[in-house]
């Protein structure tokens, strides 16, 4: 296992060096949107992921898939999309059939502001999506909002989930307030709903201890994309978080719905997470005594982006023990 991780480190380092040389040229002659999509396609290619689509009732769902082995479904967090998993997936495709989904309302899946996006609705849609893809029993991972959905899916459909992997999940009612919710309690807008380039840059720094390098023109492009989706993102944020007086009140808290969950669970959290407080990890451990905890030192809200190799290694150690 560790030799495989070392190989992937070397492979990604080599490919990134080559990519950097190419970008020096592309940066000067290519529109920013084209450059961004080129980078995303390169990341997907490096991770051996292909784009797929499936129609599920009124929804068009886009997802990435690659690798071989047991099926592993990945759910992104609020305001993100399936490409959040690209860096991690490169370390997993040798052992798993990786499936990273654009949840309804995000990425290139259907964005219909008339729909409801509360956790119960998203769990129901996920059940229909996995059935349409042809999945019966699979491991399920979710980051932040995706972890909230994943945990509720596992509680509702335990026979469909082999292993459950929760990465800094929202929905732990007994956790301490994070920096983000301390700010909303003071009347400030949620930092995860940026409306300007400056707010987007602040969010980027807020998410990570060591932010990955992204050229400033691409930051501006990403900020413009976020602003285009502010209406639907605001609706989804409210329906997921149920804010009252600046405090979240999740409909179906994980520390309640997973109280009797029996399957294998890995709870992972960055100890410097400012979006969702790391105390949520110990709360979930109390609720699910058999869960394995992996608290990542000097890591922020998105371990799979910030430290993909260490994140993969922790997950592979967990899966090999079960």
C-alpha atoms as a PDB file:
ATOM      1  CA  UNK A   1       0.000   0.000   0.000  1.00  0.00           C
ATOM      2  CA  UNK A   2       2.664   2.530   1.043  1.00  0.00           C
ATOM      3  CA  UNK A   3       4.781   1.703  -1.996  1.00  0.00           C
ATOM      4  CA  UNK A   4       1.755   2.545  -4.135  1.00  0.00           C
ATOM      5  CA  UNK A   5       1.416   5.896  -2.359  1.00  0.00           C
ATOM      6  CA  UNK A   6       5.118   6.650  -2.912  1.00  0.00           C
ATOM      7  CA  UNK A   7       4.768   5.790  -6.594  1.00  0.00           C
ATOM      8  CA  UNK A   8       1.798   8.120  -6.954  1.00  0.00           C
ATOM      9  CA  UNK A   9       3.721  10.944  -5.254  1.00  0.00           C
ATOM     10  CA  UNK A  10       6.538  10.583  -7.786  1.00  0.00           C
ATOM     11  CA  UNK A  11       4.127  10.287 -10.699  1.00  0.00           C
ATOM     12  CA  UNK A  12       2.177  13.401  -9.719  1.00  0.00           C
ATOM     13  CA  UNK A  13       5.374  15.384  -9.082  1.00  0.00           C
ATOM     14  CA  UNK A  14       6.721  14.481 -12.522  1.00  0.00           C
ATOM     15  CA  UNK A  15       3.469  15.292 -14.279  1.00  0.00           C
ATOM     16  CA  UNK A  16       3.033  18.578 -12.420  1.00  0.00           C
ATOM     17  CA  UNK A  17       6.531  19.678 -13.437  1.00  0.00           C
ATOM     18  CA  UNK A  18       5.668  19.030 -17.063  1.00  0.00           C
ATOM     19  CA  UNK A  19       2.351  20.790 -16.661  1.00  0.00           C
ATOM     20  CA  UNK A  20       4.036  23.846 -15.120  1.00  0.00           C
ATOM     21  CA  UNK A  21       6.298  24.218 -18.151  1.00  0.00           C
ATOM     22  CA  UNK A  22       3.274  24.038 -20.446  1.00  0.00           C
ATOM     23  CA  UNK A  23       1.402  26.638 -18.413  1.00  0.00           C
ATOM     24  CA  UNK A  24       4.179  29.208 -18.780  1.00  0.00           C
ATOM     25  CA  UNK A  25       3.337  29.247 -22.481  1.00  0.00           C
ATOM     26  CA  UNK A  26      -0.417  28.756 -22.225  1.00  0.00           C
ATOM     27  CA  UNK A  27      -0.826  31.481 -19.617  1.00  0.00           C
ATOM     28  CA  UNK A  28       0.269  34.192 -22.088  1.00  0.00           C
ATOM     29  CA  UNK A  29      -1.824  33.120 -25.097  1.00  0.00           C
ATOM     30  CA  UNK A  30      -4.947  31.385 -23.765  1.00  0.00           C
ATOM     31  CA  UNK A  31      -8.253  32.810 -22.422  1.00  0.00           C
ATOM     32  CA  UNK A  32      -8.554  32.187 -18.683  1.00  0.00           C
ATOM     33  CA  UNK A  33     -11.695  30.051 -18.991  1.00  0.00           C
ATOM     34  CA  UNK A  34      -9.966  27.803 -21.525  1.00  0.00           C
ATOM     35  CA  UNK A  35      -6.882  27.548 -19.327  1.00  0.00           C
ATOM     36  CA  UNK A  36      -8.994  26.624 -16.296  1.00  0.00           C
ATOM     37  CA  UNK A  37     -10.792  23.843 -18.154  1.00  0.00           C
ATOM     38  CA  UNK A  38      -7.467  22.614 -19.506  1.00  0.00           C
ATOM     39  CA  UNK A  39      -6.148  22.362 -15.947  1.00  0.00           C
ATOM     40  CA  UNK A  40      -9.233  20.463 -14.802  1.00  0.00           C
ATOM     41  CA  UNK A  41      -9.010  18.049 -17.728  1.00  0.00           C
ATOM     42  CA  UNK A  42      -5.340  17.497 -16.942  1.00  0.00           C
ATOM     43  CA  UNK A  43      -6.111  16.735 -13.290  1.00  0.00           C
ATOM     44  CA  UNK A  44      -8.792  14.268 -14.350  1.00  0.00           C
ATOM     45  CA  UNK A  45      -6.455  12.605 -16.810  1.00  0.00           C
ATOM     46  CA  UNK A  46      -3.710  12.316 -14.197  1.00  0.00           C
ATOM     47  CA  UNK A  47      -6.228  10.634 -11.882  1.00  0.00           C
ATOM     48  CA  UNK A  48      -7.536   8.328 -14.667  1.00  0.00           C
ATOM     49  CA  UNK A  49     -11.059   9.755 -14.350  1.00  0.00           C
ATOM     50  CA  UNK A  50     -13.551  10.055 -17.202  1.00  0.00           C
ATOM     51  CA  UNK A  51     -16.678  12.221 -17.411  1.00  0.00           C
ATOM     52  CA  UNK A  52     -20.017  10.393 -17.436  1.00  0.00           C
ATOM     53  CA  UNK A  53     -23.656  11.498 -17.411  1.00  0.00           C
ATOM     54  CA  UNK A  54     -26.893   9.861 -16.360  1.00  0.00           C
ATOM     55  CA  UNK A  55     -30.516  11.037 -16.466  1.00  0.00           C
ATOM     56  CA  UNK A  56     -32.456  10.506 -13.248  1.00  0.00           C
ATOM     57  CA  UNK A  57     -36.054  11.631 -13.663  1.00  0.00           C
ATOM     58  CA  UNK A  58     -35.970  15.404 -14.107  1.00  0.00           C
ATOM     59  CA  UNK A  59     -32.258  15.543 -13.288  1.00  0.00           C
ATOM     60  CA  UNK A  60     -29.167  15.418 -15.476  1.00  0.00           C
ATOM     61  CA  UNK A  61     -26.287  14.195 -13.327  1.00  0.00           C
ATOM     62  CA  UNK A  62     -22.604  14.436 -14.262  1.00  0.00           C
ATOM     63  CA  UNK A  63     -19.971  12.352 -12.522  1.00  0.00           C
ATOM     64  CA  UNK A  64     -16.361  11.237 -12.842  1.00  0.00           C
ATOM     65  CA  UNK A  65     -15.454   7.572 -12.828  1.00  0.00           C
ATOM     66  CA  UNK A  66     -12.210   5.640 -13.010  1.00  0.00           C
ATOM     67  CA  UNK A  67     -10.234   2.780 -11.562  1.00  0.00           C
ATOM     68  CA  UNK A  68     -11.082  -0.791 -10.659  1.00  0.00           C
ATOM     69  CA  UNK A  69     -12.038  -2.638  -7.512  1.00  0.00           C
ATOM     70  CA  UNK A  70     -14.776  -2.048  -4.938  1.00  0.00           C
ATOM     71  CA  UNK A  71     -16.969   0.947  -5.715  1.00  0.00           C
ATOM     72  CA  UNK A  72     -16.307   4.191  -3.820  1.00  0.00           C
ATOM     73  CA  UNK A  73     -18.776   7.072  -4.197  1.00  0.00           C
ATOM     74  CA  UNK A  74     -17.491  10.577  -3.354  1.00  0.00           C
ATOM     75  CA  UNK A  75     -19.749  13.521  -2.432  1.00  0.00           C
ATOM     76  CA  UNK A  76     -18.370  17.077  -2.488  1.00  0.00           C
ATOM     77  CA  UNK A  77     -19.191  19.877  -0.082  1.00  0.00           C
ATOM     78  CA  UNK A  78     -21.223  23.068  -0.364  1.00  0.00           C
ATOM     79  CA  UNK A  79     -20.260  25.340  -3.249  1.00  0.00           C
ATOM     80  CA  UNK A  80     -17.883  22.719  -4.647  1.00  0.00           C
ATOM     81  CA  UNK A  81     -18.144  20.021  -7.305  1.00  0.00           C
ATOM     82  CA  UNK A  82     -16.846  16.587  -8.284  1.00  0.00           C
ATOM     83  CA  UNK A  83     -13.408  17.932  -9.237  1.00  0.00           C
ATOM     84  CA  UNK A  84     -12.625  18.517  -5.561  1.00  0.00           C
ATOM     85  CA  UNK A  85     -11.734  14.820  -5.526  1.00  0.00           C
ATOM     86  CA  UNK A  86      -9.297  14.756  -8.469  1.00  0.00           C
ATOM     87  CA  UNK A  87      -6.080  14.996  -6.453  1.00  0.00           C
ATOM     88  CA  UNK A  88      -7.185  12.318  -4.003  1.00  0.00           C
ATOM     89  CA  UNK A  89      -8.570   9.976  -6.660  1.00  0.00           C
ATOM     90  CA  UNK A  90      -5.180   9.500  -8.276  1.00  0.00           C
ATOM     91  CA  UNK A  91      -4.091   7.675  -5.119  1.00  0.00           C
ATOM     92  CA  UNK A  92      -7.187   5.456  -5.014  1.00  0.00           C
ATOM     93  CA  UNK A  93      -7.968   4.324  -8.561  1.00  0.00           C
ATOM     94  CA  UNK A  94      -5.550   1.390  -8.375  1.00  0.00           C
ATOM     95  CA  UNK A  95      -7.677  -0.144  -5.625  1.00  0.00           C
ATOM     96  CA  UNK A  96     -11.155   1.348  -6.110  1.00  0.00           C
ATOM     97  CA  UNK A  97     -13.735   2.048  -8.770  1.00  0.00           C
ATOM     98  CA  UNK A  98     -13.978   5.756  -7.924  1.00  0.00           C
ATOM     99  CA  UNK A  99     -17.231   7.620  -8.659  1.00  0.00           C
ATOM    100  CA  UNK A 100     -17.260  11.368  -7.881  1.00  0.00           C
ATOM    101  CA  UNK A 101     -20.706  12.899  -8.338  1.00  0.00           C
ATOM    102  CA  UNK A 102     -21.830  16.459  -9.005  1.00  0.00           C
ATOM    103  CA  UNK A 103     -24.683  16.664  -6.503  1.00  0.00           C
ATOM    104  CA  UNK A 104     -27.924  18.211  -7.802  1.00  0.00           C
ATOM    105  CA  UNK A 105     -27.593  21.985  -7.655  1.00  0.00           C
ATOM    106  CA  UNK A 106     -23.825  21.966  -8.199  1.00  0.00           C
ATOM    107  CA  UNK A 107     -21.193  21.557 -10.899  1.00  0.00           C
ATOM    108  CA  UNK A 108     -22.577  20.381 -14.228  1.00  0.00           C
ATOM    109  CA  UNK A 109     -25.583  18.593 -12.756  1.00  0.00           C
ATOM    110  CA  UNK A 110     -29.064  20.106 -12.952  1.00  0.00           C
ATOM    111  CA  UNK A 111     -29.368  23.462 -11.170  1.00  0.00           C
ATOM    112  CA  UNK A 112     -33.082  24.139 -10.703  1.00  0.00           C
ATOM    113  CA  UNK A 113     -33.765  26.819  -8.118  1.00  0.00           C
ATOM    114  CA  UNK A 114     -37.403  25.690  -7.903  1.00  0.00           C
ATOM    115  CA  UNK A 115     -36.381  22.365  -6.321  1.00  0.00           C
ATOM    116  CA  UNK A 116     -35.804  21.725  -2.629  1.00  0.00           C
ATOM    117  CA  UNK A 117     -32.238  20.900  -1.560  1.00  0.00           C
ATOM    118  CA  UNK A 118     -32.706  19.961   2.096  1.00  0.00           C
ATOM    119  CA  UNK A 119     -30.809  16.901   3.287  1.00  0.00           C
ATOM    120  CA  UNK A 120     -33.787  14.534   3.009  1.00  0.00           C
ATOM    121  CA  UNK A 121     -34.377  15.564  -0.623  1.00  0.00           C
ATOM    122  CA  UNK A 122     -30.697  15.153  -1.503  1.00  0.00           C
ATOM    123  CA  UNK A 123     -30.522  11.731   0.184  1.00  0.00           C
ATOM    124  CA  UNK A 124     -33.530  10.602  -1.851  1.00  0.00           C
ATOM    125  CA  UNK A 125     -31.909  11.888  -5.049  1.00  0.00           C
ATOM    126  CA  UNK A 126     -28.624  10.188  -4.199  1.00  0.00           C
ATOM    127  CA  UNK A 127     -30.473   6.898  -3.772  1.00  0.00           C
ATOM    128  CA  UNK A 128     -31.986   7.290  -7.242  1.00  0.00           C
ATOM    129  CA  UNK A 129     -28.670   8.409  -8.749  1.00  0.00           C
ATOM    130  CA  UNK A 130     -26.710   5.426  -7.433  1.00  0.00           C
ATOM    131  CA  UNK A 131     -29.449   3.088  -8.664  1.00  0.00           C
ATOM    132  CA  UNK A 132     -29.356   4.701 -12.123  1.00  0.00           C
ATOM    133  CA  UNK A 133     -25.571   4.254 -12.265  1.00  0.00           C
ATOM    134  CA  UNK A 134     -26.076   0.595 -11.355  1.00  0.00           C
ATOM    135  CA  UNK A 135     -24.619   0.595  -7.847  1.00  0.00           C
ATOM    136  CA  UNK A 136     -25.949  -1.780  -5.209  1.00  0.00           C
ATOM    137  CA  UNK A 137     -23.462  -1.778  -2.320  1.00  0.00           C
ATOM    138  CA  UNK A 138     -20.557   0.641  -2.188  1.00  0.00           C
ATOM    139  CA  UNK A 139     -18.332   2.623   0.123  1.00  0.00           C
ATOM    140  CA  UNK A 140     -19.508   6.204   0.550  1.00  0.00           C
ATOM    141  CA  UNK A 141     -17.428   9.283   1.348  1.00  0.00           C
ATOM    142  CA  UNK A 142     -18.557  12.852   1.836  1.00  0.00           C
ATOM    143  CA  UNK A 143     -16.876  16.167   2.592  1.00  0.00           C
ATOM    144  CA  UNK A 144     -18.629  18.870   4.650  1.00  0.00           C
ATOM    145  CA  UNK A 145     -22.196  19.096   3.265  1.00  0.00           C
ATOM    146  CA  UNK A 146     -21.440  15.909   1.330  1.00  0.00           C
ATOM    147  CA  UNK A 147     -20.587  14.214   4.631  1.00  0.00           C
ATOM    148  CA  UNK A 148     -23.932  15.341   6.054  1.00  0.00           C
ATOM    149  CA  UNK A 149     -25.696  13.777   3.073  1.00  0.00           C
ATOM    150  CA  UNK A 150     -23.507  10.645   3.183  1.00  0.00           C
ATOM    151  CA  UNK A 151     -24.147  10.074   6.892  1.00  0.00           C
ATOM    152  CA  UNK A 152     -27.887  10.419   6.462  1.00  0.00           C
ATOM    153  CA  UNK A 153     -27.823   8.158   3.405  1.00  0.00           C
ATOM    154  CA  UNK A 154     -25.979   5.483   5.411  1.00  0.00           C
ATOM    155  CA  UNK A 155     -28.462   5.792   8.271  1.00  0.00           C
ATOM    156  CA  UNK A 156     -31.407   5.445   5.889  1.00  0.00           C
ATOM    157  CA  UNK A 157     -29.907   2.797   3.574  1.00  0.00           C
ATOM    158  CA  UNK A 158     -27.390   0.886   5.727  1.00  0.00           C
ATOM    159  CA  UNK A 159     -27.499  -2.200   3.507  1.00  0.00           C
ATOM    160  CA  UNK A 160     -26.282  -0.116   0.552  1.00  0.00           C
ATOM    161  CA  UNK A 161     -23.155   1.171   2.312  1.00  0.00           C
ATOM    162  CA  UNK A 162     -20.054  -0.973   2.773  1.00  0.00           C
ATOM    163  CA  UNK A 163     -17.832   1.611   4.517  1.00  0.00           C
ATOM    164  CA  UNK A 164     -18.676   5.192   5.494  1.00  0.00           C
ATOM    165  CA  UNK A 165     -16.046   7.939   5.316  1.00  0.00           C
ATOM    166  CA  UNK A 166     -16.963  11.325   6.785  1.00  0.00           C
ATOM    167  CA  UNK A 167     -14.557  14.194   6.074  1.00  0.00           C
ATOM    168  CA  UNK A 168     -15.204  17.307   8.198  1.00  0.00           C
ATOM    169  CA  UNK A 169     -18.955  16.709   7.907  1.00  0.00           C
ATOM    170  CA  UNK A 170     -21.583  19.333   8.558  1.00  0.00           C
ATOM    171  CA  UNK A 171     -24.460  18.338  10.800  1.00  0.00           C
ATOM    172  CA  UNK A 172     -22.775  17.472  14.104  1.00  0.00           C
ATOM    173  CA  UNK A 173     -25.102  19.281  16.475  1.00  0.00           C
ATOM    174  CA  UNK A 174     -22.922  18.790  19.554  1.00  0.00           C
ATOM    175  CA  UNK A 175     -19.776  20.314  18.029  1.00  0.00           C
ATOM    176  CA  UNK A 176     -18.363  23.652  19.130  1.00  0.00           C
ATOM    177  CA  UNK A 177     -18.976  26.663  16.925  1.00  0.00           C
ATOM    178  CA  UNK A 178     -16.324  27.145  14.265  1.00  0.00           C
ATOM    179  CA  UNK A 179     -14.798  30.469  13.245  1.00  0.00           C
ATOM    180  CA  UNK A 180     -17.385  30.651  10.456  1.00  0.00           C
ATOM    181  CA  UNK A 181     -20.365  30.260  12.778  1.00  0.00           C
ATOM    182  CA  UNK A 182     -18.825  32.515  15.422  1.00  0.00           C
ATOM    183  CA  UNK A 183     -18.850  35.181  12.695  1.00  0.00           C
ATOM    184  CA  UNK A 184     -22.435  34.491  11.595  1.00  0.00           C
ATOM    185  CA  UNK A 185     -23.562  34.734  15.236  1.00  0.00           C
ATOM    186  CA  UNK A 186     -22.186  38.294  15.152  1.00  0.00           C
ATOM    187  CA  UNK A 187     -24.335  39.046  12.114  1.00  0.00           C
ATOM    188  CA  UNK A 188     -21.717  38.570   9.392  1.00  0.00           C
ATOM    189  CA  UNK A 189     -22.572  36.795   6.149  1.00  0.00           C
ATOM    190  CA  UNK A 190     -21.383  33.175   5.814  1.00  0.00           C
ATOM    191  CA  UNK A 191     -17.907  33.234   4.308  1.00  0.00           C
ATOM    192  CA  UNK A 192     -18.853  30.279   2.070  1.00  0.00           C
ATOM    193  CA  UNK A 193     -21.235  32.578   0.149  1.00  0.00           C
ATOM    194  CA  UNK A 194     -18.756  34.980  -1.498  1.00  0.00           C
ATOM    195  CA  UNK A 195     -20.137  37.628  -3.837  1.00  0.00           C
ATOM    196  CA  UNK A 196     -16.936  39.382  -4.933  1.00  0.00           C
ATOM    197  CA  UNK A 197     -13.427  38.435  -5.981  1.00  0.00           C
ATOM    198  CA  UNK A 198     -12.070  39.725  -2.666  1.00  0.00           C
ATOM    199  CA  UNK A 199     -14.555  37.600  -0.713  1.00  0.00           C
ATOM    200  CA  UNK A 200     -13.693  34.555  -2.814  1.00  0.00           C
ATOM    201  CA  UNK A 201      -9.972  35.053  -2.159  1.00  0.00           C
ATOM    202  CA  UNK A 202     -10.709  35.375   1.560  1.00  0.00           C
ATOM    203  CA  UNK A 203     -12.697  32.133   1.441  1.00  0.00           C
ATOM    204  CA  UNK A 204      -9.827  30.368  -0.306  1.00  0.00           C
ATOM    205  CA  UNK A 205      -7.444  31.366   2.484  1.00  0.00           C
ATOM    206  CA  UNK A 206     -10.062  30.425   5.097  1.00  0.00           C
ATOM    207  CA  UNK A 207     -10.380  26.859   3.788  1.00  0.00           C
ATOM    208  CA  UNK A 208      -6.716  25.884   3.968  1.00  0.00           C
ATOM    209  CA  UNK A 209      -3.669  26.087   6.198  1.00  0.00           C
ATOM    210  CA  UNK A 210      -1.466  25.842   3.093  1.00  0.00           C
ATOM    211  CA  UNK A 211      -3.629  26.859   0.112  1.00  0.00           C
ATOM    212  CA  UNK A 212      -2.702  25.182  -3.188  1.00  0.00           C
ATOM    213  CA  UNK A 213      -1.220  27.641  -5.665  1.00  0.00           C
ATOM    214  CA  UNK A 214      -3.725  28.995  -8.165  1.00  0.00           C
ATOM    215  CA  UNK A 215      -2.798  31.901 -10.495  1.00  0.00           C
ATOM    216  CA  UNK A 216      -4.704  35.115  -9.780  1.00  0.00           C
ATOM    217  CA  UNK A 217      -6.505  35.181 -13.189  1.00  0.00           C
ATOM    218  CA  UNK A 218      -7.981  31.766 -12.393  1.00  0.00           C
ATOM    219  CA  UNK A 219      -9.023  33.010  -8.943  1.00  0.00           C
ATOM    220  CA  UNK A 220     -10.866  35.840 -10.724  1.00  0.00           C
ATOM    221  CA  UNK A 221     -12.501  33.370 -13.104  1.00  0.00           C
ATOM    222  CA  UNK A 222     -13.633  31.097 -10.258  1.00  0.00           C
ATOM    223  CA  UNK A 223     -14.986  34.101  -8.370  1.00  0.00           C
ATOM    224  CA  UNK A 224     -17.063  35.068 -11.411  1.00  0.00           C
ATOM    225  CA  UNK A 225     -18.505  31.549 -11.586  1.00  0.00           C
ATOM    226  CA  UNK A 226     -19.439  31.655  -7.903  1.00  0.00           C
ATOM    227  CA  UNK A 227     -21.204  35.003  -8.314  1.00  0.00           C
ATOM    228  CA  UNK A 228     -23.288  33.573 -11.170  1.00  0.00           C
ATOM    229  CA  UNK A 229     -24.628  30.880  -8.829  1.00  0.00           C
ATOM    230  CA  UNK A 230     -25.215  33.042  -5.748  1.00  0.00           C
ATOM    231  CA  UNK A 231     -29.030  32.747  -5.865  1.00  0.00           C
ATOM    232  CA  UNK A 232     -29.201  28.960  -5.905  1.00  0.00           C
ATOM    233  CA  UNK A 233     -26.222  28.630  -3.556  1.00  0.00           C
ATOM    234  CA  UNK A 234     -27.939  30.907  -1.037  1.00  0.00           C
ATOM    235  CA  UNK A 235     -31.086  28.789  -1.180  1.00  0.00           C
ATOM    236  CA  UNK A 236     -29.153  25.538  -0.745  1.00  0.00           C
ATOM    237  CA  UNK A 237     -27.112  26.983   2.120  1.00  0.00           C
ATOM    238  CA  UNK A 238     -30.277  27.926   3.987  1.00  0.00           C
ATOM    239  CA  UNK A 239     -32.041  24.602   3.364  1.00  0.00           C
ATOM    240  CA  UNK A 240     -29.009  22.609   4.505  1.00  0.00           C
ATOM    241  CA  UNK A 241     -27.961  24.755   7.464  1.00  0.00           C
ATOM    242  CA  UNK A 242     -31.337  26.101   8.689  1.00  0.00           C
ATOM    243  CA  UNK A 243     -29.760  29.210  10.196  1.00  0.00           C
ATOM    244  CA  UNK A 244     -31.492  30.877  13.163  1.00  0.00           C
ATOM    245  CA  UNK A 245     -29.899  33.837  14.937  1.00  0.00           C
ATOM    246  CA  UNK A 246     -26.634  33.059  13.163  1.00  0.00           C
ATOM    247  CA  UNK A 247     -26.575  29.438  14.352  1.00  0.00           C
ATOM    248  CA  UNK A 248     -27.060  26.278  12.260  1.00  0.00           C
ATOM    249  CA  UNK A 249     -29.921  23.920  13.114  1.00  0.00           C
ATOM    250  CA  UNK A 250     -29.573  20.848  10.869  1.00  0.00           C
ATOM    251  CA  UNK A 251     -32.781  18.936  10.126  1.00  0.00           C
ATOM    252  CA  UNK A 252     -31.190  15.528  10.684  1.00  0.00           C
ATOM    253  CA  UNK A 253     -28.059  15.848  12.865  1.00  0.00           C
ATOM    254  CA  UNK A 254     -25.434  13.166  12.354  1.00  0.00           C
ATOM    255  CA  UNK A 255     -24.978  12.698  16.097  1.00  0.00           C
ATOM    256  CA  UNK A 256     -28.607  11.551  16.212  1.00  0.00           C
ATOM    257  CA  UNK A 257     -29.176   9.615  12.991  1.00  0.00           C
ATOM    258  CA  UNK A 258     -25.929   7.603  13.314  1.00  0.00           C
ATOM    259  CA  UNK A 259     -26.504   6.677  16.956  1.00  0.00           C
ATOM    260  CA  UNK A 260     -27.195   3.013  16.131  1.00  0.00           C
ATOM    261  CA  UNK A 261     -25.126   2.738  12.949  1.00  0.00           C
ATOM    262  CA  UNK A 262     -23.209  -0.554  12.853  1.00  0.00           C
ATOM    263  CA  UNK A 263     -21.083  -0.361   9.700  1.00  0.00           C
ATOM    264  CA  UNK A 264     -17.390   0.613   9.500  1.00  0.00           C
ATOM    265  CA  UNK A 265     -16.886   4.384   9.812  1.00  0.00           C
ATOM    266  CA  UNK A 266     -13.854   6.611   9.310  1.00  0.00           C
ATOM    267  CA  UNK A 267     -14.203  10.168  10.643  1.00  0.00           C
ATOM    268  CA  UNK A 268     -11.510  12.512   9.298  1.00  0.00           C
ATOM    269  CA  UNK A 269     -10.997  16.151  10.257  1.00  0.00           C
ATOM    270  CA  UNK A 270      -8.312  18.801   9.878  1.00  0.00           C
ATOM    271  CA  UNK A 271      -7.349  20.152  13.291  1.00  0.00           C
ATOM    272  CA  UNK A 272      -7.186  23.703  11.865  1.00  0.00           C
ATOM    273  CA  UNK A 273     -10.637  23.563  10.228  1.00  0.00           C
ATOM    274  CA  UNK A 274     -12.239  27.015  10.485  1.00  0.00           C
ATOM    275  CA  UNK A 275     -15.449  26.113   8.634  1.00  0.00           C
ATOM    276  CA  UNK A 276     -16.580  23.233  10.873  1.00  0.00           C
ATOM    277  CA  UNK A 277     -14.988  22.759  14.294  1.00  0.00           C
ATOM    278  CA  UNK A 278     -12.804  19.676  14.775  1.00  0.00           C
ATOM    279  CA  UNK A 279     -14.646  18.924  18.036  1.00  0.00           C
ATOM    280  CA  UNK A 280     -17.250  17.297  15.801  1.00  0.00           C
ATOM    281  CA  UNK A 281     -14.883  14.340  15.428  1.00  0.00           C
ATOM    282  CA  UNK A 282     -14.939  13.471  19.137  1.00  0.00           C
ATOM    283  CA  UNK A 283     -18.718  13.986  19.260  1.00  0.00           C
ATOM    284  CA  UNK A 284     -19.159  11.429  16.488  1.00  0.00           C
ATOM    285  CA  UNK A 285     -16.753   9.050  18.235  1.00  0.00           C
ATOM    286  CA  UNK A 286     -18.993   9.155  21.310  1.00  0.00           C
ATOM    287  CA  UNK A 287     -22.040   8.404  19.168  1.00  0.00           C
ATOM    288  CA  UNK A 288     -20.287   5.721  17.074  1.00  0.00           C
ATOM    289  CA  UNK A 289     -17.776   4.091  19.468  1.00  0.00           C
ATOM    290  CA  UNK A 290     -16.442   1.719  16.806  1.00  0.00           C
ATOM    291  CA  UNK A 291     -15.614   4.605  14.415  1.00  0.00           C
ATOM    292  CA  UNK A 292     -11.973   5.262  13.592  1.00  0.00           C
ATOM    293  CA  UNK A 293     -10.795   8.861  13.971  1.00  0.00           C
ATOM    294  CA  UNK A 294      -8.149  10.497  11.796  1.00  0.00           C
ATOM    295  CA  UNK A 295      -7.405  14.064  12.914  1.00  0.00           C
ATOM    296  CA  UNK A 296      -5.003  15.640  10.429  1.00  0.00           C
ATOM    297  CA  UNK A 297      -2.367  17.930  11.968  1.00  0.00           C
ATOM    298  CA  UNK A 298      -2.059  21.468  10.547  1.00  0.00           C
ATOM    299  CA  UNK A 299      -4.752  20.837   7.939  1.00  0.00           C
ATOM    300  CA  UNK A 300      -7.856  22.880   7.146  1.00  0.00           C
ATOM    301  CA  UNK A 301     -11.353  22.063   5.937  1.00  0.00           C
ATOM    302  CA  UNK A 302     -10.473  20.068   2.806  1.00  0.00           C
ATOM    303  CA  UNK A 303      -7.848  17.384   3.572  1.00  0.00           C
ATOM    304  CA  UNK A 304      -8.386  15.662   0.220  1.00  0.00           C
ATOM    305  CA  UNK A 305      -7.289  18.863  -1.558  1.00  0.00           C
ATOM    306  CA  UNK A 306      -4.660  20.105   0.884  1.00  0.00           C
ATOM    307  CA  UNK A 307      -2.938  16.787   1.712  1.00  0.00           C
ATOM    308  CA  UNK A 308      -4.291  14.205  -0.763  1.00  0.00           C
ATOM    309  CA  UNK A 309      -1.509  11.656  -0.211  1.00  0.00           C
ATOM    310  CA  UNK A 310      -1.915  11.579   3.583  1.00  0.00           C
ATOM    311  CA  UNK A 311      -5.696  11.541   3.184  1.00  0.00           C
ATOM    312  CA  UNK A 312      -5.534   8.538   0.859  1.00  0.00           C
ATOM    313  CA  UNK A 313      -3.072   6.729   3.109  1.00  0.00           C
ATOM    314  CA  UNK A 314      -5.383   7.121   6.103  1.00  0.00           C
ATOM    315  CA  UNK A 315      -8.362   5.826   4.134  1.00  0.00           C
ATOM    316  CA  UNK A 316      -6.440   2.862   2.722  1.00  0.00           C
ATOM    317  CA  UNK A 317      -5.226   1.921   6.206  1.00  0.00           C
ATOM    318  CA  UNK A 318      -8.847   2.034   7.383  1.00  0.00           C
ATOM    319  CA  UNK A 319     -10.149  -0.080   4.509  1.00  0.00           C
ATOM    320  CA  UNK A 320      -7.397  -2.679   4.930  1.00  0.00           C
ATOM    321  CA  UNK A 321      -8.443  -3.074   8.569  1.00  0.00           C
ATOM    322  CA  UNK A 322     -12.009  -3.878   7.537  1.00  0.00           C
END
